[in-house]
Amino acid sequence: MIKVSVLYPNSDGAKFDMSYYCKSHMPMVNRLLGSAIKGMAVDQGIGGFESGSSAPFVAVGHLLFDSVEAFQAAFAPHAQEIMGDIPNYTNLQPTIQISEIKL
């Protein structure tokens, strides 16, 4: 199983509409990618390791798939629509990481 994590870095001037992300964007992604998605989660950053410090990421979205190939096959036909929705909830450039789940 693999996890696709989309990390939105915290920075000065960061705008992130968590309500839109959870109620509109992620449901759209779920609908478009269909049965290829095996699970999803959204994290909202609330702090860093040091007491009182800011979270390094304002939000992280996670999508689970059986394989990289399953993700790519599901995502490719809808990439433009999914990526085109980003300005509706943030002014941040996300970092995407694909990980193999070990535990």
N, C-alpha and C. Protein backbone atom coordinates (compact mmCIF):
# COMPACT_ATOMS: atom_id res chain seq x y z
N MET A 1 0.85 -1.18 0.00
CA MET A 1 0.00 0.00 0.00
C MET A 1 0.89 1.23 0.00
N ILE A 2 0.44 2.26 -0.72
CA ILE A 2 1.18 3.52 -0.74
C ILE A 2 0.30 4.65 -0.23
N LYS A 3 0.98 5.70 0.23
CA LYS A 3 0.29 6.91 0.70
C LYS A 3 0.81 8.09 -0.10
N VAL A 4 -0.10 8.85 -0.66
CA VAL A 4 0.23 10.10 -1.32
C VAL A 4 -0.09 11.21 -0.33
N SER A 5 0.93 11.93 0.09
CA SER A 5 0.76 13.03 1.05
C SER A 5 0.97 14.35 0.33
N VAL A 6 0.04 15.26 0.52
CA VAL A 6 0.12 16.59 -0.07
C VAL A 6 0.29 17.56 1.09
N LEU A 7 1.49 18.14 1.19
CA LEU A 7 1.87 18.97 2.34
C LEU A 7 1.84 20.44 1.95
N TYR A 8 1.13 21.23 2.73
CA TYR A 8 0.99 22.66 2.49
C TYR A 8 1.81 23.41 3.53
N PRO A 9 2.98 23.95 3.14
CA PRO A 9 3.89 24.57 4.10
C PRO A 9 3.32 25.84 4.72
N ASN A 10 3.58 26.01 6.01
CA ASN A 10 3.17 27.21 6.72
C ASN A 10 4.19 28.31 6.41
N SER A 11 3.71 29.49 6.11
CA SER A 11 4.60 30.61 5.81
C SER A 11 3.84 31.91 6.04
N ASP A 12 4.59 33.01 6.11
CA ASP A 12 3.96 34.32 6.23
C ASP A 12 3.04 34.54 5.02
N GLY A 13 1.86 34.99 5.28
CA GLY A 13 0.90 35.25 4.20
C GLY A 13 0.18 34.01 3.71
N ALA A 14 0.36 32.88 4.40
CA ALA A 14 -0.30 31.65 3.99
C ALA A 14 -1.81 31.78 4.14
N LYS A 15 -2.52 31.38 3.10
CA LYS A 15 -3.99 31.34 3.12
C LYS A 15 -4.38 29.89 2.89
N PHE A 16 -5.25 29.36 3.75
CA PHE A 16 -5.73 28.00 3.57
C PHE A 16 -7.14 27.91 4.12
N ASP A 17 -8.09 27.56 3.27
CA ASP A 17 -9.49 27.45 3.66
C ASP A 17 -9.78 25.96 3.97
N MET A 18 -9.64 25.60 5.24
CA MET A 18 -9.80 24.21 5.65
C MET A 18 -11.22 23.71 5.38
N SER A 19 -12.21 24.56 5.56
CA SER A 19 -13.59 24.16 5.31
C SER A 19 -13.78 23.76 3.85
N TYR A 20 -13.30 24.59 2.94
CA TYR A 20 -13.40 24.27 1.51
C TYR A 20 -12.64 22.99 1.19
N TYR A 21 -11.45 22.85 1.75
CA TYR A 21 -10.61 21.68 1.49
C TYR A 21 -11.34 20.40 1.90
N CYS A 22 -11.94 20.41 3.10
CA CYS A 22 -12.59 19.20 3.63
C CYS A 22 -13.97 18.96 3.03
N LYS A 23 -14.70 20.03 2.71
CA LYS A 23 -16.09 19.88 2.25
C LYS A 23 -16.25 19.88 0.74
N SER A 24 -15.24 20.40 0.02
CA SER A 24 -15.37 20.49 -1.44
C SER A 24 -14.22 19.77 -2.17
N HIS A 25 -12.99 20.17 -1.86
CA HIS A 25 -11.86 19.62 -2.62
C HIS A 25 -11.68 18.12 -2.42
N MET A 26 -11.56 17.69 -1.18
CA MET A 26 -11.31 16.27 -0.93
C MET A 26 -12.47 15.38 -1.38
N PRO A 27 -13.73 15.78 -1.18
CA PRO A 27 -14.82 14.98 -1.75
C PRO A 27 -14.76 14.89 -3.27
N MET A 28 -14.34 15.99 -3.94
CA MET A 28 -14.19 15.96 -5.39
C MET A 28 -13.11 14.96 -5.78
N VAL A 29 -11.96 15.00 -5.07
CA VAL A 29 -10.88 14.05 -5.35
C VAL A 29 -11.39 12.62 -5.16
N ASN A 30 -12.09 12.38 -4.09
CA ASN A 30 -12.63 11.05 -3.82
C ASN A 30 -13.56 10.58 -4.93
N ARG A 31 -14.43 11.48 -5.38
CA ARG A 31 -15.37 11.16 -6.45
C ARG A 31 -14.64 10.86 -7.75
N LEU A 32 -13.67 11.71 -8.10
CA LEU A 32 -12.96 11.54 -9.38
C LEU A 32 -12.08 10.30 -9.40
N LEU A 33 -11.42 10.00 -8.29
CA LEU A 33 -10.48 8.87 -8.28
C LEU A 33 -11.17 7.56 -7.93
N GLY A 34 -12.38 7.64 -7.42
CA GLY A 34 -13.23 6.48 -7.24
C GLY A 34 -12.65 5.36 -6.41
N SER A 35 -12.88 4.14 -6.87
CA SER A 35 -12.52 2.95 -6.10
C SER A 35 -11.01 2.74 -5.97
N ALA A 36 -10.21 3.50 -6.69
CA ALA A 36 -8.75 3.39 -6.55
C ALA A 36 -8.30 3.88 -5.17
N ILE A 37 -9.05 4.84 -4.60
CA ILE A 37 -8.72 5.36 -3.27
C ILE A 37 -9.15 4.34 -2.22
N LYS A 38 -8.22 3.97 -1.36
CA LYS A 38 -8.50 3.01 -0.30
C LYS A 38 -8.70 3.68 1.05
N GLY A 39 -8.39 4.97 1.14
CA GLY A 39 -8.59 5.73 2.36
C GLY A 39 -8.08 7.14 2.18
N MET A 40 -8.55 8.04 3.01
CA MET A 40 -8.07 9.42 2.97
C MET A 40 -8.16 10.03 4.35
N ALA A 41 -7.31 11.03 4.58
CA ALA A 41 -7.31 11.76 5.85
C ALA A 41 -6.80 13.17 5.58
N VAL A 42 -7.20 14.08 6.45
CA VAL A 42 -6.73 15.46 6.40
C VAL A 42 -6.24 15.84 7.79
N ASP A 43 -5.02 16.38 7.85
CA ASP A 43 -4.44 16.88 9.10
C ASP A 43 -4.37 18.39 9.04
N GLN A 44 -4.72 19.05 10.14
CA GLN A 44 -4.55 20.50 10.26
C GLN A 44 -3.43 20.74 11.26
N GLY A 45 -2.39 21.45 10.83
CA GLY A 45 -1.26 21.76 11.71
C GLY A 45 -1.69 22.66 12.86
N ILE A 46 -1.26 22.30 14.08
CA ILE A 46 -1.61 23.12 15.24
C ILE A 46 -0.38 23.57 16.02
N GLY A 47 0.78 23.05 15.71
CA GLY A 47 1.99 23.47 16.40
C GLY A 47 3.20 22.67 15.98
N GLY A 48 4.37 23.19 16.32
CA GLY A 48 5.61 22.50 16.05
C GLY A 48 6.10 21.76 17.28
N PHE A 49 7.26 21.18 17.17
CA PHE A 49 7.83 20.38 18.26
C PHE A 49 8.10 21.22 19.50
N GLU A 50 8.65 22.41 19.29
CA GLU A 50 8.94 23.31 20.41
C GLU A 50 7.65 23.95 20.92
N SER A 51 7.50 24.02 22.20
CA SER A 51 6.32 24.61 22.80
C SER A 51 6.10 26.03 22.27
N GLY A 52 4.88 26.28 21.80
CA GLY A 52 4.53 27.60 21.30
C GLY A 52 4.95 27.88 19.87
N SER A 53 5.64 26.95 19.23
CA SER A 53 6.08 27.19 17.86
C SER A 53 4.96 26.89 16.87
N SER A 54 5.06 27.48 15.70
CA SER A 54 4.07 27.26 14.64
C SER A 54 4.27 25.90 13.99
N ALA A 55 3.18 25.35 13.50
CA ALA A 55 3.26 24.10 12.75
C ALA A 55 4.01 24.34 11.45
N PRO A 56 4.87 23.41 11.05
CA PRO A 56 5.59 23.58 9.79
C PRO A 56 4.67 23.49 8.57
N PHE A 57 3.52 22.83 8.74
CA PHE A 57 2.55 22.71 7.64
C PHE A 57 1.19 23.13 8.16
N VAL A 58 0.46 23.93 7.37
CA VAL A 58 -0.89 24.32 7.78
C VAL A 58 -1.86 23.17 7.60
N ALA A 59 -1.57 22.31 6.64
CA ALA A 59 -2.44 21.17 6.37
C ALA A 59 -1.66 20.11 5.61
N VAL A 60 -2.12 18.87 5.78
CA VAL A 60 -1.58 17.75 5.01
C VAL A 60 -2.76 16.86 4.62
N GLY A 61 -2.86 16.57 3.34
CA GLY A 61 -3.87 15.63 2.85
C GLY A 61 -3.20 14.31 2.54
N HIS A 62 -3.85 13.21 2.89
CA HIS A 62 -3.30 11.87 2.67
C HIS A 62 -4.30 11.05 1.87
N LEU A 63 -3.81 10.34 0.86
CA LEU A 63 -4.62 9.44 0.06
C LEU A 63 -3.93 8.08 0.02
N LEU A 64 -4.67 7.01 0.22
CA LEU A 64 -4.11 5.66 0.20
C LEU A 64 -4.52 4.94 -1.08
N PHE A 65 -3.56 4.22 -1.65
CA PHE A 65 -3.78 3.44 -2.87
C PHE A 65 -3.05 2.11 -2.74
N ASP A 66 -3.47 1.13 -3.53
CA ASP A 66 -2.80 -0.17 -3.52
C ASP A 66 -1.37 -0.09 -4.05
N SER A 67 -1.14 0.80 -5.02
CA SER A 67 0.18 0.88 -5.65
C SER A 67 0.36 2.25 -6.30
N VAL A 68 1.60 2.56 -6.65
CA VAL A 68 1.89 3.81 -7.38
C VAL A 68 1.16 3.78 -8.72
N GLU A 69 1.16 2.63 -9.36
CA GLU A 69 0.50 2.50 -10.66
C GLU A 69 -1.00 2.76 -10.55
N ALA A 70 -1.63 2.27 -9.47
CA ALA A 70 -3.05 2.51 -9.27
C ALA A 70 -3.32 4.00 -9.07
N PHE A 71 -2.46 4.68 -8.31
CA PHE A 71 -2.59 6.12 -8.12
C PHE A 71 -2.46 6.84 -9.45
N GLN A 72 -1.40 6.54 -10.20
CA GLN A 72 -1.14 7.24 -11.46
C GLN A 72 -2.28 7.03 -12.46
N ALA A 73 -2.78 5.81 -12.55
CA ALA A 73 -3.86 5.52 -13.49
C ALA A 73 -5.14 6.27 -13.12
N ALA A 74 -5.42 6.39 -11.83
CA ALA A 74 -6.62 7.10 -11.39
C ALA A 74 -6.47 8.61 -11.49
N PHE A 75 -5.28 9.11 -11.17
CA PHE A 75 -5.06 10.56 -11.09
C PHE A 75 -4.89 11.21 -12.47
N ALA A 76 -4.15 10.59 -13.35
CA ALA A 76 -3.78 11.20 -14.63
C ALA A 76 -4.96 11.80 -15.40
N PRO A 77 -6.08 11.07 -15.55
CA PRO A 77 -7.18 11.64 -16.34
C PRO A 77 -7.84 12.86 -15.69
N HIS A 78 -7.61 13.06 -14.39
CA HIS A 78 -8.27 14.14 -13.66
C HIS A 78 -7.30 15.17 -13.10
N ALA A 79 -6.03 15.05 -13.44
CA ALA A 79 -5.00 15.91 -12.86
C ALA A 79 -5.30 17.39 -13.05
N GLN A 80 -5.70 17.78 -14.24
CA GLN A 80 -5.95 19.20 -14.51
C GLN A 80 -7.08 19.74 -13.64
N GLU A 81 -8.15 18.99 -13.49
CA GLU A 81 -9.28 19.44 -12.68
C GLU A 81 -8.91 19.51 -11.20
N ILE A 82 -8.21 18.50 -10.71
CA ILE A 82 -7.82 18.48 -9.30
C ILE A 82 -6.83 19.60 -8.99
N MET A 83 -5.79 19.72 -9.79
CA MET A 83 -4.78 20.76 -9.55
C MET A 83 -5.36 22.14 -9.79
N GLY A 84 -6.29 22.26 -10.72
CA GLY A 84 -6.92 23.55 -11.01
C GLY A 84 -7.78 24.08 -9.88
N ASP A 85 -8.16 23.19 -8.95
CA ASP A 85 -8.99 23.60 -7.82
C ASP A 85 -8.17 24.20 -6.68
N ILE A 86 -6.86 23.99 -6.69
CA ILE A 86 -6.01 24.45 -5.58
C ILE A 86 -6.19 25.94 -5.27
N PRO A 87 -6.22 26.84 -6.26
CA PRO A 87 -6.38 28.27 -5.92
C PRO A 87 -7.69 28.59 -5.21
N ASN A 88 -8.66 27.69 -5.23
CA ASN A 88 -9.93 27.93 -4.53
C ASN A 88 -9.81 27.82 -3.02
N TYR A 89 -8.71 27.20 -2.52
CA TYR A 89 -8.57 27.07 -1.07
C TYR A 89 -7.22 27.49 -0.52
N THR A 90 -6.24 27.73 -1.37
CA THR A 90 -4.94 28.14 -0.84
C THR A 90 -4.13 28.94 -1.84
N ASN A 91 -3.20 29.70 -1.30
CA ASN A 91 -2.22 30.41 -2.13
C ASN A 91 -0.85 29.72 -2.01
N LEU A 92 -0.81 28.55 -1.42
CA LEU A 92 0.44 27.82 -1.17
C LEU A 92 0.73 26.83 -2.29
N GLN A 93 2.01 26.59 -2.51
CA GLN A 93 2.45 25.57 -3.46
C GLN A 93 2.70 24.29 -2.65
N PRO A 94 1.88 23.25 -2.85
CA PRO A 94 2.07 22.04 -2.05
C PRO A 94 3.27 21.22 -2.48
N THR A 95 3.79 20.45 -1.53
CA THR A 95 4.81 19.45 -1.80
C THR A 95 4.12 18.10 -1.76
N ILE A 96 4.40 17.26 -2.73
CA ILE A 96 3.77 15.94 -2.79
C ILE A 96 4.81 14.87 -2.55
N GLN A 97 4.50 13.96 -1.65
CA GLN A 97 5.37 12.83 -1.37
C GLN A 97 4.57 11.54 -1.51
N ILE A 98 5.17 10.56 -2.17
CA ILE A 98 4.59 9.23 -2.26
C ILE A 98 5.44 8.32 -1.39
N SER A 99 4.78 7.63 -0.47
CA SER A 99 5.48 6.77 0.49
C SER A 99 4.91 5.37 0.41
N GLU A 100 5.77 4.41 0.68
CA GLU A 100 5.32 3.03 0.85
C GLU A 100 5.07 2.81 2.34
N ILE A 101 3.89 2.37 2.68
CA ILE A 101 3.53 2.16 4.08
C ILE A 101 4.18 0.86 4.56
N LYS A 102 4.94 0.95 5.63
CA LYS A 102 5.67 -0.19 6.17
C LYS A 102 5.04 -0.74 7.43
N LEU A 103 4.31 0.06 8.16
CA LEU A 103 3.74 -0.38 9.43
C LEU A 103 2.37 0.22 9.64
